Amino acid sequence: MTGTPNSHDATSERSTLPLMLAGFCAFYNLFVTQPILPLLGRIFHASKAGVSLTITAATFGVAIAAPFAGVLSDRMGRRKVIVWAAFALSLTTILSATASNLPWLVFWRFLQGLATPGVFGVTVAYINDEWPPRRAASAVGAYVSGTILGGFSGRMVSGLVAEFLPWQWIFLIVGVSSLAMTAMIARGLPPQRGFVATTRTSIWKPALAHFRNRRLLATFVSGFCILFSMIALFTYATFHLAEAPFLLSPGQLGGIFCVYLFGAVATPIAGRAIDKHGHRPVVLLATVLGTLGALVSLVPTIPAILLGLTLGSCGVFIAHSAAVSHVGVVADQAKALAVGIYVSFYYTGGSFGSTGPAWIWDAYGWPGCVALLVAIQAVLAATAWWGWRAQPSVTPQAR
């Protein structure tokens, strides 16, 4: 049937905008407190470790829910789960504005995290179902570009609103605009053609099979390192720039996330490079960028720190594009569950990256955090280089 491939390709083209909106919506909400952490510390009289829990709670919620979102989508369908998860994410964002103290804000942020995998991980599985294999990495790259734009916009809106209005308005504005995007996602996502429902009742057997897959396990560990690097870099750079001699305001701190836009440009290029050169060379290039960015940020000027953040964020998003598309390549069954486990490791890394470096900050300041970031990049490079390598095929000898 000659018409099937053409219709599949046409569906892929029409789906680009709602897929990017799905990625935008997830990251628009998820890291919205990052540029206002110093402000929240003053409002709630909390330590750096305390207010960083608003990041940790959200990423930990993602880590818990990610595998189960994949299983749910295996049974109900990707499209339905994406739409309802986007709605739940928007609603919990609005409810965050009702928090009367830091524990309540952390609670609502945790619920936001629980809703996120239904958008994030399931959309990647949707791409693997609906896109031709030769276009899958490029499609994931375009989707990740949406997540980058969403991450930038949420942080920028947060910082700007905090300059002029009480902090509760951040969650109201972000939540209501997310509801509007959810309506566009629901209207724009086309019906599924490649999805086949499963009646699997347990995730444990296929999950154990994934953990026995050496290349998949190495990719999961890589995901941990990738988001650890991103969250640690930007969370503690925010504290660094809020203190003397820089003393940046919340609006200015939100503005530093403009460096995400460079990641939006780099990620589709990375997708094409993966298609052409493979996953391992691309992720090694990403670790070089991440290491260089961390070291450049030691120069005590705002332009140098911004350059370091730019290089670091490009490295993280390139590495993430390589890792998440690698999952689709090496998982031979239950691909949505494999993506869900990857997302769980990825966001567990983010949880550790937000609160874990606090004691290093207290003891060694920003240079100590940079040293930790360089070490994590080395672990990522080693894991991807040796762990992602395909096993050599064995040719039986003639008897």
Protein backbone atom coordinates (compact mmCIF):
# COMPACT_ATOMS: atom_id res chain seq x y z
CA MET A 1 0.00 0.00 0.00
CA THR A 2 1.75 3.10 -1.19
CA GLY A 3 -0.51 5.53 0.60
CA THR A 4 0.36 4.49 4.15
CA PRO A 5 3.92 5.87 4.39
CA ASN A 6 2.89 9.15 2.83
CA SER A 7 -0.02 9.60 5.24
CA HIS A 8 2.30 8.71 8.12
CA ASP A 9 4.77 11.38 7.04
CA ALA A 10 1.97 13.92 6.65
CA THR A 11 0.72 13.14 10.15
CA SER A 12 4.23 13.69 11.48
CA GLU A 13 4.41 17.12 9.90
CA ARG A 14 0.99 18.18 11.23
CA SER A 15 1.89 16.94 14.70
CA THR A 16 4.98 19.09 15.14
CA LEU A 17 3.24 22.10 16.72
CA PRO A 18 1.14 20.24 19.33
CA LEU A 19 4.15 18.09 20.22
CA MET A 20 6.23 21.19 20.81
CA LEU A 21 3.38 22.68 22.86
CA ALA A 22 3.29 19.53 25.00
CA GLY A 23 6.98 19.88 25.76
CA PHE A 24 6.55 23.60 26.33
CA CYS A 25 3.69 23.05 28.79
CA ALA A 26 5.58 20.47 30.87
CA PHE A 27 8.71 22.56 31.38
CA TYR A 28 6.85 25.87 31.53
CA ASN A 29 5.39 24.70 34.84
CA LEU A 30 8.02 22.42 36.28
CA PHE A 31 10.86 24.82 37.08
CA VAL A 32 8.90 27.99 37.65
CA THR A 33 10.28 28.53 41.18
CA GLN A 34 13.95 28.39 40.18
CA PRO A 35 14.58 32.12 39.58
CA ILE A 36 12.68 33.14 42.73
CA LEU A 37 14.45 30.80 45.17
CA PRO A 38 16.28 33.67 46.92
CA LEU A 39 12.97 35.57 47.13
CA LEU A 40 11.16 32.56 48.60
CA GLY A 41 13.96 32.17 51.12
CA ARG A 42 13.33 35.70 52.36
CA ILE A 43 9.53 35.34 52.33
CA PHE A 44 9.44 32.03 54.21
CA HIS A 45 12.63 32.62 56.27
CA ALA A 46 14.05 29.36 54.91
CA SER A 47 17.53 28.10 54.07
CA LYS A 48 18.81 27.44 50.57
CA ALA A 49 18.24 23.73 51.09
CA GLY A 50 14.71 24.48 52.33
CA VAL A 51 13.53 26.56 49.38
CA SER A 52 15.29 24.24 46.92
CA LEU A 53 12.73 21.64 48.02
CA THR A 54 10.27 23.42 45.70
CA ILE A 55 12.44 22.03 42.89
CA THR A 56 13.22 18.72 44.58
CA ALA A 57 9.54 17.96 45.32
CA ALA A 58 8.52 18.52 41.69
CA THR A 59 11.35 16.47 40.22
CA PHE A 60 10.85 13.71 42.80
CA GLY A 61 7.16 13.55 41.87
CA VAL A 62 8.19 13.10 38.23
CA ALA A 63 10.63 10.35 39.21
CA ILE A 64 7.92 8.43 41.08
CA ALA A 65 5.19 8.74 38.46
CA ALA A 66 7.23 8.32 35.27
CA PRO A 67 7.18 4.49 34.92
CA PHE A 68 3.48 4.32 35.76
CA ALA A 69 2.59 6.99 33.20
CA GLY A 70 4.18 4.80 30.56
CA VAL A 71 2.18 1.78 31.67
CA LEU A 72 -1.04 3.82 31.74
CA SER A 73 -0.40 5.05 28.22
CA ASP A 74 0.30 1.48 27.06
CA ARG A 75 -3.25 0.60 28.07
CA MET A 76 -5.25 3.81 27.48
CA GLY A 77 -3.39 5.31 24.54
CA ARG A 78 -0.73 8.01 24.35
CA ARG A 79 -2.94 10.86 23.17
CA LYS A 80 -5.50 10.58 25.96
CA VAL A 81 -2.86 10.45 28.69
CA ILE A 82 -0.99 13.46 27.25
CA VAL A 83 -4.10 15.64 27.22
CA TRP A 84 -5.34 14.71 30.70
CA ALA A 85 -1.88 15.02 32.24
CA ALA A 86 -1.47 18.50 30.74
CA PHE A 87 -4.81 19.48 32.29
CA ALA A 88 -3.80 18.12 35.71
CA LEU A 89 -0.47 19.92 35.51
CA SER A 90 -2.19 23.21 34.76
CA LEU A 91 -4.68 22.76 37.60
CA THR A 92 -2.06 21.95 40.24
CA THR A 93 -0.05 24.97 39.11
CA ILE A 94 -3.04 27.23 39.76
CA LEU A 95 -3.61 25.59 43.16
CA SER A 96 0.00 26.35 44.12
CA ALA A 97 -1.07 29.97 44.43
CA THR A 98 -3.18 29.00 47.47
CA ALA A 99 -0.13 27.89 49.52
CA SER A 100 0.04 29.74 52.84
CA ASN A 101 3.52 28.50 53.80
CA LEU A 102 6.52 26.66 52.36
CA PRO A 103 5.35 23.10 53.21
CA TRP A 104 2.07 23.67 51.34
CA LEU A 105 3.94 25.07 48.35
CA VAL A 106 6.23 22.03 48.38
CA PHE A 107 3.12 19.78 48.49
CA TRP A 108 1.52 21.38 45.43
CA ARG A 109 4.85 21.28 43.62
CA PHE A 110 5.04 17.55 44.33
CA LEU A 111 1.59 17.08 42.72
CA GLN A 112 2.78 19.08 39.72
CA GLY A 113 5.63 16.61 39.40
CA LEU A 114 3.28 13.64 39.55
CA ALA A 115 1.30 15.02 36.59
CA THR A 116 4.31 15.88 34.43
CA PRO A 117 5.38 12.40 33.14
CA GLY A 118 2.03 11.96 31.45
CA VAL A 119 3.12 14.81 29.18
CA PHE A 120 6.87 14.38 29.07
CA GLY A 121 7.57 10.66 28.87
CA VAL A 122 4.40 9.69 27.02
CA THR A 123 4.96 12.24 24.27
CA VAL A 124 8.33 10.66 23.53
CA ALA A 125 6.65 7.24 23.32
CA TYR A 126 4.02 8.79 21.02
CA ILE A 127 6.82 9.93 18.71
CA ASN A 128 8.36 6.46 18.67
CA ASP A 129 4.94 5.00 17.73
CA GLU A 130 3.98 7.50 15.06
CA TRP A 131 7.21 8.64 13.39
CA PRO A 132 9.18 6.72 10.76
CA PRO A 133 12.42 5.40 12.33
CA ARG A 134 14.57 7.53 10.05
CA ARG A 135 12.89 10.67 11.42
CA ALA A 136 12.50 9.69 15.07
CA ALA A 137 15.63 11.36 16.44
CA SER A 138 14.88 14.58 14.58
CA ALA A 139 11.30 14.55 15.88
CA VAL A 140 12.53 14.06 19.45
CA GLY A 141 14.94 16.94 18.90
CA ALA A 142 12.08 19.19 17.82
CA TYR A 143 10.05 18.11 20.84
CA VAL A 144 12.96 18.77 23.20
CA SER A 145 13.23 22.23 21.64
CA GLY A 146 9.69 22.82 22.91
CA THR A 147 10.77 21.78 26.40
CA ILE A 148 13.67 24.23 26.21
CA LEU A 149 11.41 27.10 25.17
CA GLY A 150 8.96 26.17 27.92
CA GLY A 151 11.70 26.01 30.54
CA PHE A 152 12.96 29.43 29.50
CA SER A 153 9.50 31.00 29.35
CA GLY A 154 8.35 29.69 32.73
CA ARG A 155 11.45 31.01 34.46
CA MET A 156 11.32 34.32 32.61
CA VAL A 157 7.63 34.85 33.44
CA SER A 158 8.32 33.92 37.07
CA GLY A 159 11.10 36.46 37.44
CA LEU A 160 9.24 39.26 35.69
CA VAL A 161 6.02 38.75 37.63
CA ALA A 162 7.92 38.67 40.92
CA GLU A 163 9.30 42.13 40.12
CA PHE A 164 5.84 43.72 40.18
CA LEU A 165 3.30 41.39 41.82
CA PRO A 166 3.05 39.02 44.82
CA TRP A 167 4.58 35.60 44.19
CA GLN A 168 1.14 33.91 44.05
CA TRP A 169 0.45 35.62 40.72
CA ILE A 170 3.26 33.62 39.13
CA PHE A 171 1.32 30.39 39.56
CA LEU A 172 -1.98 31.93 38.48
CA ILE A 173 -0.55 33.34 35.25
CA VAL A 174 1.46 30.23 34.38
CA GLY A 175 -1.43 27.89 35.25
CA VAL A 176 -4.09 29.72 33.26
CA SER A 177 -1.86 30.04 30.19
CA SER A 178 -1.07 26.30 30.50
CA LEU A 179 -4.80 25.56 30.37
CA ALA A 180 -5.00 27.45 27.09
CA MET A 181 -2.11 25.41 25.71
CA THR A 182 -3.77 22.21 26.89
CA ALA A 183 -6.81 23.08 24.77
CA MET A 184 -4.54 23.58 21.74
CA ILE A 185 -2.82 20.24 22.39
CA ALA A 186 -6.17 18.45 22.64
CA ARG A 187 -7.33 20.03 19.40
CA GLY A 188 -4.09 19.59 17.46
CA LEU A 189 -2.85 16.08 18.25
CA PRO A 190 -4.02 13.74 15.45
CA PRO A 191 -5.55 10.32 16.13
CA GLN A 192 -3.04 7.54 16.77
CA ARG A 193 -2.18 5.16 13.94
CA GLY A 194 0.82 3.22 15.23
CA PHE A 195 -0.35 2.56 18.80
CA VAL A 196 -1.23 -0.98 19.87
CA ALA A 197 -2.80 -1.30 23.33
CA THR A 198 -1.44 -3.83 25.79
CA THR A 199 -3.28 -5.64 28.56
CA ARG A 200 -0.14 -6.08 30.64
CA THR A 201 -1.08 -5.90 34.33
CA SER A 202 2.41 -5.78 35.85
CA ILE A 203 5.39 -3.60 35.04
CA TRP A 204 7.90 -5.67 36.99
CA LYS A 205 8.74 -8.35 34.43
CA PRO A 206 9.39 -5.95 31.53
CA ALA A 207 11.12 -3.53 33.93
CA LEU A 208 13.53 -6.26 35.04
CA ALA A 209 14.18 -7.08 31.39
CA HIS A 210 15.08 -3.43 30.79
CA PHE A 211 17.50 -3.42 33.72
CA ARG A 212 19.19 -6.53 32.33
CA ASN A 213 19.79 -4.64 29.07
CA ARG A 214 23.28 -3.20 29.64
CA ARG A 215 22.88 -0.38 27.11
CA LEU A 216 19.52 0.65 28.56
CA LEU A 217 20.84 0.61 32.12
CA ALA A 218 23.77 2.81 31.09
CA THR A 219 21.32 5.19 29.41
CA PHE A 220 19.25 5.38 32.61
CA VAL A 221 22.38 6.29 34.61
CA SER A 222 23.28 8.86 31.97
CA GLY A 223 19.86 10.46 32.40
CA PHE A 224 20.52 10.82 36.15
CA CYS A 225 23.78 12.66 35.42
CA ILE A 226 22.23 14.90 32.76
CA LEU A 227 19.47 16.51 34.84
CA PHE A 228 21.65 16.55 37.98
CA SER A 229 24.02 18.78 35.99
CA MET A 230 21.29 21.08 34.72
CA ILE A 231 19.50 21.61 38.03
CA ALA A 232 22.68 22.01 40.07
CA LEU A 233 24.12 24.44 37.52
CA PHE A 234 21.15 26.78 37.38
CA THR A 235 19.92 26.48 40.98
CA TYR A 236 23.24 27.41 42.53
CA ALA A 237 24.13 29.91 39.81
CA THR A 238 20.90 31.66 40.85
CA PHE A 239 22.08 31.84 44.47
CA HIS A 240 25.56 32.89 43.26
CA LEU A 241 24.18 35.78 41.18
CA ALA A 242 21.76 36.90 43.91
CA GLU A 243 24.62 37.52 46.31
CA ALA A 244 27.41 40.11 46.32
CA PRO A 245 28.96 41.37 44.15
CA PHE A 246 26.21 40.73 41.58
CA LEU A 247 22.99 41.24 43.63
CA LEU A 248 20.62 40.46 40.74
CA SER A 249 16.87 40.97 41.29
CA PRO A 250 14.23 38.25 40.61
CA GLY A 251 13.51 39.74 37.18
CA GLN A 252 17.17 39.78 36.29
CA LEU A 253 17.59 36.22 37.56
CA GLY A 254 14.70 35.17 35.35
CA GLY A 255 16.47 36.82 32.44
CA ILE A 256 19.56 34.64 32.76
CA PHE A 257 17.49 31.76 31.44
CA CYS A 258 17.56 33.36 28.00
CA VAL A 259 20.54 31.06 27.50
CA TYR A 260 17.96 28.29 27.06
CA LEU A 261 17.24 29.72 23.63
CA PHE A 262 20.68 28.63 22.47
CA GLY A 263 19.74 25.12 23.53
CA ALA A 264 16.60 25.38 21.41
CA VAL A 265 18.82 26.01 18.39
CA ALA A 266 21.39 23.35 19.28
CA THR A 267 18.97 20.50 19.97
CA PRO A 268 17.49 20.03 16.45
CA ILE A 269 21.05 20.17 15.09
CA ALA A 270 21.96 17.48 17.60
CA GLY A 271 19.05 15.35 16.39
CA ARG A 272 20.36 15.47 12.84
CA ALA A 273 23.90 14.76 14.06
CA ILE A 274 22.62 11.69 15.94
CA ASP A 275 20.90 10.45 12.79
CA LYS A 276 24.15 10.88 10.87
CA HIS A 277 26.95 10.02 13.33
CA GLY A 278 25.31 8.01 16.10
CA HIS A 279 24.57 8.62 19.77
CA ARG A 280 27.92 8.16 21.48
CA PRO A 281 29.97 10.82 19.64
CA VAL A 282 27.20 13.37 20.17
CA VAL A 283 26.91 12.77 23.92
CA LEU A 284 30.70 13.03 24.30
CA LEU A 285 30.61 16.41 22.58
CA ALA A 286 27.87 17.40 25.02
CA THR A 287 30.03 16.53 28.03
CA VAL A 288 32.87 18.63 26.65
CA LEU A 289 30.49 21.60 26.39
CA GLY A 290 29.15 20.98 29.90
CA THR A 291 32.62 20.81 31.43
CA LEU A 292 33.83 23.89 29.60
CA GLY A 293 30.70 25.83 30.61
CA ALA A 294 31.14 24.99 34.30
CA LEU A 295 34.79 26.10 34.24
CA VAL A 296 34.05 29.36 32.38
CA SER A 297 31.42 30.26 35.00
CA LEU A 298 34.22 30.56 37.58
CA VAL A 299 35.24 33.87 36.01
CA PRO A 300 33.63 36.46 38.37
CA THR A 301 31.85 38.56 35.76
CA ILE A 302 28.24 38.36 34.61
CA PRO A 303 29.11 37.95 30.88
CA ALA A 304 31.45 35.06 31.68
CA ILE A 305 28.88 33.37 33.90
CA LEU A 306 26.23 33.74 31.19
CA LEU A 307 28.61 32.23 28.64
CA GLY A 308 29.26 29.34 31.01
CA LEU A 309 25.54 28.79 31.53
CA THR A 310 25.01 28.89 27.76
CA LEU A 311 27.63 26.23 27.10
CA GLY A 312 26.37 24.13 30.00
CA SER A 313 22.74 24.26 28.95
CA CYS A 314 23.58 23.41 25.33
CA GLY A 315 25.59 20.45 26.56
CA VAL A 316 22.75 19.22 28.75
CA PHE A 317 20.09 19.45 26.05
CA ILE A 318 22.29 17.83 23.43
CA ALA A 319 23.07 14.99 25.84
CA HIS A 320 19.39 14.60 26.70
CA SER A 321 18.42 14.40 23.02
CA ALA A 322 21.02 11.69 22.52
CA ALA A 323 19.96 9.74 25.61
CA VAL A 324 16.20 9.83 25.13
CA SER A 325 16.43 8.82 21.47
CA HIS A 326 18.91 6.09 22.44
CA VAL A 327 16.24 4.57 24.70
CA GLY A 328 13.95 4.13 21.69
CA VAL A 329 16.74 2.44 19.75
CA VAL A 330 17.94 -0.09 22.33
CA ALA A 331 14.64 -1.00 24.06
CA ASP A 332 13.33 -4.10 22.29
CA GLN A 333 9.98 -4.23 24.16
CA ALA A 334 7.69 -2.02 26.31
CA LYS A 335 9.26 1.13 24.90
CA ALA A 336 6.95 3.46 26.85
CA LEU A 337 7.97 1.79 30.09
CA ALA A 338 11.64 2.10 29.08
CA VAL A 339 11.15 5.82 28.47
CA GLY A 340 9.32 6.07 31.80
CA ILE A 341 12.22 4.45 33.67
CA TYR A 342 14.64 6.78 31.89
CA VAL A 343 12.55 9.77 32.94
CA SER A 344 12.48 8.43 36.51
CA PHE A 345 16.28 8.28 36.62
CA TYR A 346 16.50 11.66 34.88
CA TYR A 347 14.34 13.42 37.44
CA THR A 348 15.83 11.57 40.38
CA GLY A 349 19.07 13.14 39.22
CA GLY A 350 17.31 16.50 39.17
CA SER A 351 16.08 15.97 42.74
CA PHE A 352 19.62 15.30 43.94
CA GLY A 353 20.94 18.18 41.86
CA SER A 354 18.63 20.73 43.49
CA THR A 355 19.20 19.95 47.19
CA GLY A 356 22.26 17.67 47.26
CA PRO A 357 24.90 20.33 46.46
CA ALA A 358 23.66 22.60 49.30
CA TRP A 359 26.29 21.31 51.75
CA ILE A 360 29.01 21.81 49.12
CA TRP A 361 27.78 25.37 48.65
CA ASP A 362 27.89 25.98 52.41
CA ALA A 363 31.45 24.65 52.65
CA TYR A 364 33.07 25.73 49.36
CA GLY A 365 30.69 28.12 47.60
CA TRP A 366 30.38 28.30 43.84
CA PRO A 367 33.85 26.80 43.10
CA GLY A 368 32.85 23.67 45.03
CA CYS A 369 29.66 23.36 42.97
CA VAL A 370 31.68 23.73 39.76
CA ALA A 371 34.02 20.94 40.84
CA LEU A 372 31.00 18.70 41.44
CA LEU A 373 29.60 19.54 38.00
CA VAL A 374 32.89 18.64 36.30
CA ALA A 375 32.96 15.30 38.12
CA ILE A 376 29.39 14.51 37.03
CA GLN A 377 30.30 15.30 33.40
CA ALA A 378 33.19 12.84 33.64
CA VAL A 379 30.85 10.13 34.95
CA LEU A 380 28.39 10.85 32.11
CA ALA A 381 31.12 10.63 29.46
CA ALA A 382 32.46 7.33 30.80
CA THR A 383 29.00 5.81 31.17
CA ALA A 384 27.92 6.71 27.63
CA TRP A 385 31.19 5.73 25.97
CA TRP A 386 31.46 2.27 27.48
CA GLY A 387 27.88 1.54 28.49
CA TRP A 388 26.17 2.56 25.24
CA ARG A 389 28.54 0.50 23.09
CA ALA A 390 26.82 -2.30 21.18
CA GLN A 391 27.97 -5.83 21.87
CA PRO A 392 30.04 -7.17 18.97
CA SER A 393 28.16 -9.77 16.98
CA VAL A 394 29.59 -13.27 17.08
CA THR A 395 29.76 -15.14 13.79
CA PRO A 396 29.53 -18.90 14.26
CA GLN A 397 32.54 -20.72 12.87
CA ALA A 398 31.95 -23.26 10.13
CA ARG A 399 32.23 -26.85 11.26
